[in-house]
Amino acid sequence: TVSRRNNIYSMDFPSYSPLPDNSKLKEVSLALKSKPLKLFFAKYCMAVYDTEEEVRNISPNFDLLKSIDYNGIIVTAPGNKYDFVSRFFAPKFGIQEDPVTGSTHCELIPYWSKILNKKNMLASQLSNRGGELYCSYLGNRVIIGGEAITYMHGELFI
């Protein structure tokens, strides 16, 4: 379901609660060239760091990332002016770094909601293009919103 309020479009997604999984901490640390505090897993591996700067400065070895069993790696930390920040690497899908990833927020939102004891949060994905996300945790659902502009109109014929 998509709803619109002014120029914010919000979508309703399933919620995935990540579980602790430090089984590949050494491999992930080598691939990210930086050791996270801990790892979690739901749909993707989630590496949690102390600071936004650590997340911003990660420069992964994509060949090593591709060799790890996970389909993608989320890196996240508390933000300076946002509740939390993240980046997402998925070289197995041919995506070095995704600019703004809705599916990762399906597990980021439940995690940070519990840590921060908040239901509504503001997040930022720190890719080169980047994006600001309005996040709400509803238990088994999450709401993810952001600004959008129309850049193309078209018709599809099936």
Protein backbone atom coordinates (compact mmCIF):
# COMPACT_ATOMS: atom_id res chain seq x y z
CA THR A 1 0.00 0.00 0.00
CA VAL A 2 1.28 3.45 -0.94
CA SER A 3 0.04 6.66 0.63
CA ARG A 4 0.96 10.24 -0.14
CA ARG A 5 1.10 13.25 2.14
CA ASN A 6 2.45 16.38 0.42
CA ASN A 7 5.61 15.15 -1.33
CA ILE A 8 6.21 12.21 1.06
CA TYR A 9 5.28 8.80 -0.31
CA SER A 10 5.00 6.03 2.26
CA MET A 11 4.82 2.29 1.70
CA ASP A 12 3.70 -0.49 4.02
CA PHE A 13 6.12 -3.46 4.23
CA PRO A 14 6.52 -6.61 6.32
CA SER A 15 8.77 -6.35 9.37
CA TYR A 16 11.73 -8.70 9.90
CA SER A 17 13.34 -8.86 13.33
CA PRO A 18 17.05 -9.60 12.93
CA LEU A 19 18.59 -12.17 15.26
CA PRO A 20 22.16 -12.13 16.59
CA ASP A 21 24.53 -14.07 14.32
CA ASN A 22 28.26 -13.55 14.90
CA SER A 23 29.18 -16.78 13.07
CA LYS A 24 30.80 -14.89 10.18
CA LEU A 25 32.14 -11.89 12.11
CA LYS A 26 35.73 -12.50 10.98
CA GLU A 27 34.79 -12.89 7.28
CA VAL A 28 32.51 -9.84 7.32
CA SER A 29 35.15 -7.75 9.13
CA LEU A 30 37.76 -8.66 6.49
CA ALA A 31 35.37 -7.90 3.62
CA LEU A 32 34.30 -4.55 5.12
CA LYS A 33 37.87 -3.75 6.23
CA SER A 34 36.33 -2.75 9.55
CA LYS A 35 35.16 -4.78 12.54
CA PRO A 36 31.52 -4.23 13.56
CA LEU A 37 30.39 -4.45 17.18
CA LYS A 38 28.06 -7.32 16.30
CA LEU A 39 26.22 -9.04 13.47
CA PHE A 40 22.55 -9.85 13.02
CA PHE A 41 20.61 -11.71 10.35
CA ALA A 42 17.06 -11.66 9.00
CA LYS A 43 16.97 -11.39 5.19
CA TYR A 44 20.42 -9.83 5.00
CA CYS A 45 23.45 -9.66 7.25
CA MET A 46 23.40 -6.52 9.40
CA ALA A 47 26.70 -5.21 10.79
CA VAL A 48 26.24 -2.75 13.66
CA TYR A 49 28.82 -0.04 14.35
CA ASP A 50 29.30 2.59 17.06
CA THR A 51 29.29 5.72 14.94
CA GLU A 52 28.01 7.26 11.74
CA GLU A 53 31.61 8.05 10.74
CA GLU A 54 32.53 4.36 10.82
CA VAL A 55 29.64 3.55 8.49
CA ARG A 56 30.45 6.49 6.20
CA ASN A 57 34.14 5.45 5.93
CA ILE A 58 33.62 1.78 5.04
CA SER A 59 35.28 0.88 1.75
CA PRO A 60 34.55 -2.83 1.22
CA ASN A 61 36.42 -5.45 -0.70
CA PHE A 62 33.58 -6.44 -3.05
CA ASP A 63 35.23 -9.71 -4.14
CA LEU A 64 35.37 -10.85 -0.50
CA LEU A 65 31.78 -9.65 0.11
CA LYS A 66 30.63 -11.69 -2.87
CA SER A 67 32.24 -14.83 -1.40
CA ILE A 68 30.36 -14.63 1.94
CA ASP A 69 27.14 -16.65 2.25
CA TYR A 70 24.90 -13.58 2.70
CA ASN A 71 23.06 -12.05 -0.27
CA GLY A 72 23.76 -8.56 1.03
CA ILE A 73 25.37 -6.73 3.92
CA ILE A 74 23.76 -3.80 5.72
CA VAL A 75 26.06 -1.59 7.78
CA THR A 76 24.39 0.65 10.35
CA ALA A 77 25.02 2.88 13.36
CA PRO A 78 23.29 5.59 15.38
CA GLY A 79 23.24 8.82 13.41
CA ASN A 80 24.49 12.27 14.32
CA LYS A 81 21.36 14.11 13.20
CA TYR A 82 19.31 11.03 12.29
CA ASP A 83 18.08 8.25 14.54
CA PHE A 84 20.17 5.80 12.52
CA VAL A 85 22.20 5.62 9.33
CA SER A 86 22.97 2.75 6.98
CA ARG A 87 24.57 1.59 3.75
CA PHE A 88 23.84 -1.56 1.75
CA PHE A 89 26.23 -3.68 -0.32
CA ALA A 90 24.93 -6.51 -2.53
CA PRO A 91 27.61 -7.53 -5.06
CA LYS A 92 25.98 -10.97 -5.49
CA PHE A 93 23.05 -9.12 -7.13
CA GLY A 94 25.42 -7.02 -9.25
CA ILE A 95 24.94 -4.04 -6.91
CA GLN A 96 28.12 -2.70 -5.38
CA GLU A 97 26.18 -0.22 -3.21
CA ASP A 98 22.48 0.50 -3.44
CA PRO A 99 21.59 4.20 -3.11
CA VAL A 100 18.45 3.86 -0.94
CA THR A 101 17.09 0.42 -0.04
CA GLY A 102 13.54 -0.12 1.21
CA SER A 103 13.96 -3.86 1.85
CA THR A 104 16.86 -3.35 4.27
CA HIS A 105 14.74 -1.00 6.35
CA CYS A 106 12.30 -3.87 6.94
CA GLU A 107 14.91 -5.15 9.41
CA LEU A 108 16.65 -1.90 10.32
CA ILE A 109 13.43 -0.35 11.64
CA PRO A 110 12.58 -3.17 14.10
CA TYR A 111 16.18 -3.29 15.32
CA TRP A 112 16.53 0.47 15.92
CA SER A 113 13.00 0.77 17.30
CA LYS A 114 13.97 -1.67 20.05
CA ILE A 115 17.39 -0.08 20.68
CA LEU A 116 16.11 3.51 20.70
CA ASN A 117 12.72 2.70 22.26
CA LYS A 118 11.00 4.68 19.49
CA LYS A 119 8.23 3.81 17.03
CA ASN A 120 8.83 6.71 14.61
CA MET A 121 12.33 7.47 13.39
CA LEU A 122 14.21 9.43 10.77
CA ALA A 123 16.96 7.56 8.95
CA SER A 124 19.56 8.30 6.31
CA GLN A 125 21.20 5.97 3.82
CA LEU A 126 24.73 7.25 3.31
CA SER A 127 25.43 6.17 -0.27
CA ASN A 128 26.78 8.72 -2.76
CA ARG A 129 23.24 9.58 -3.86
CA GLY A 130 21.82 8.98 -0.40
CA GLY A 131 18.33 9.41 0.91
CA GLU A 132 16.28 10.36 3.94
CA LEU A 133 13.67 7.87 5.15
CA TYR A 134 10.71 8.39 7.47
CA CYS A 135 10.30 5.13 9.38
CA SER A 136 7.55 3.73 11.59
CA TYR A 137 7.53 0.41 13.43
CA LEU A 138 4.11 -1.24 13.72
CA GLY A 139 5.09 -4.68 15.06
CA ASN A 140 4.68 -7.07 12.14
CA ARG A 141 4.69 -4.17 9.62
CA VAL A 142 6.90 -1.15 8.94
CA ILE A 143 6.10 2.07 7.13
CA ILE A 144 8.89 3.53 5.00
CA GLY A 145 8.48 6.97 3.48
CA GLY A 146 10.50 9.46 1.55
CA GLU A 147 10.34 12.40 -0.77
CA ALA A 148 9.76 11.75 -4.44
CA ILE A 149 9.46 13.77 -7.59
CA THR A 150 8.01 12.75 -10.93
CA TYR A 151 10.75 12.52 -13.51
CA MET A 152 8.99 10.48 -16.18
CA HIS A 153 5.52 9.65 -17.45
CA GLY A 154 4.83 6.68 -19.69
CA GLU A 155 2.45 3.95 -20.73
CA LEU A 156 2.95 0.19 -20.81
CA PHE A 157 1.19 -2.02 -23.30
CA ILE A 158 0.81 -5.65 -22.31
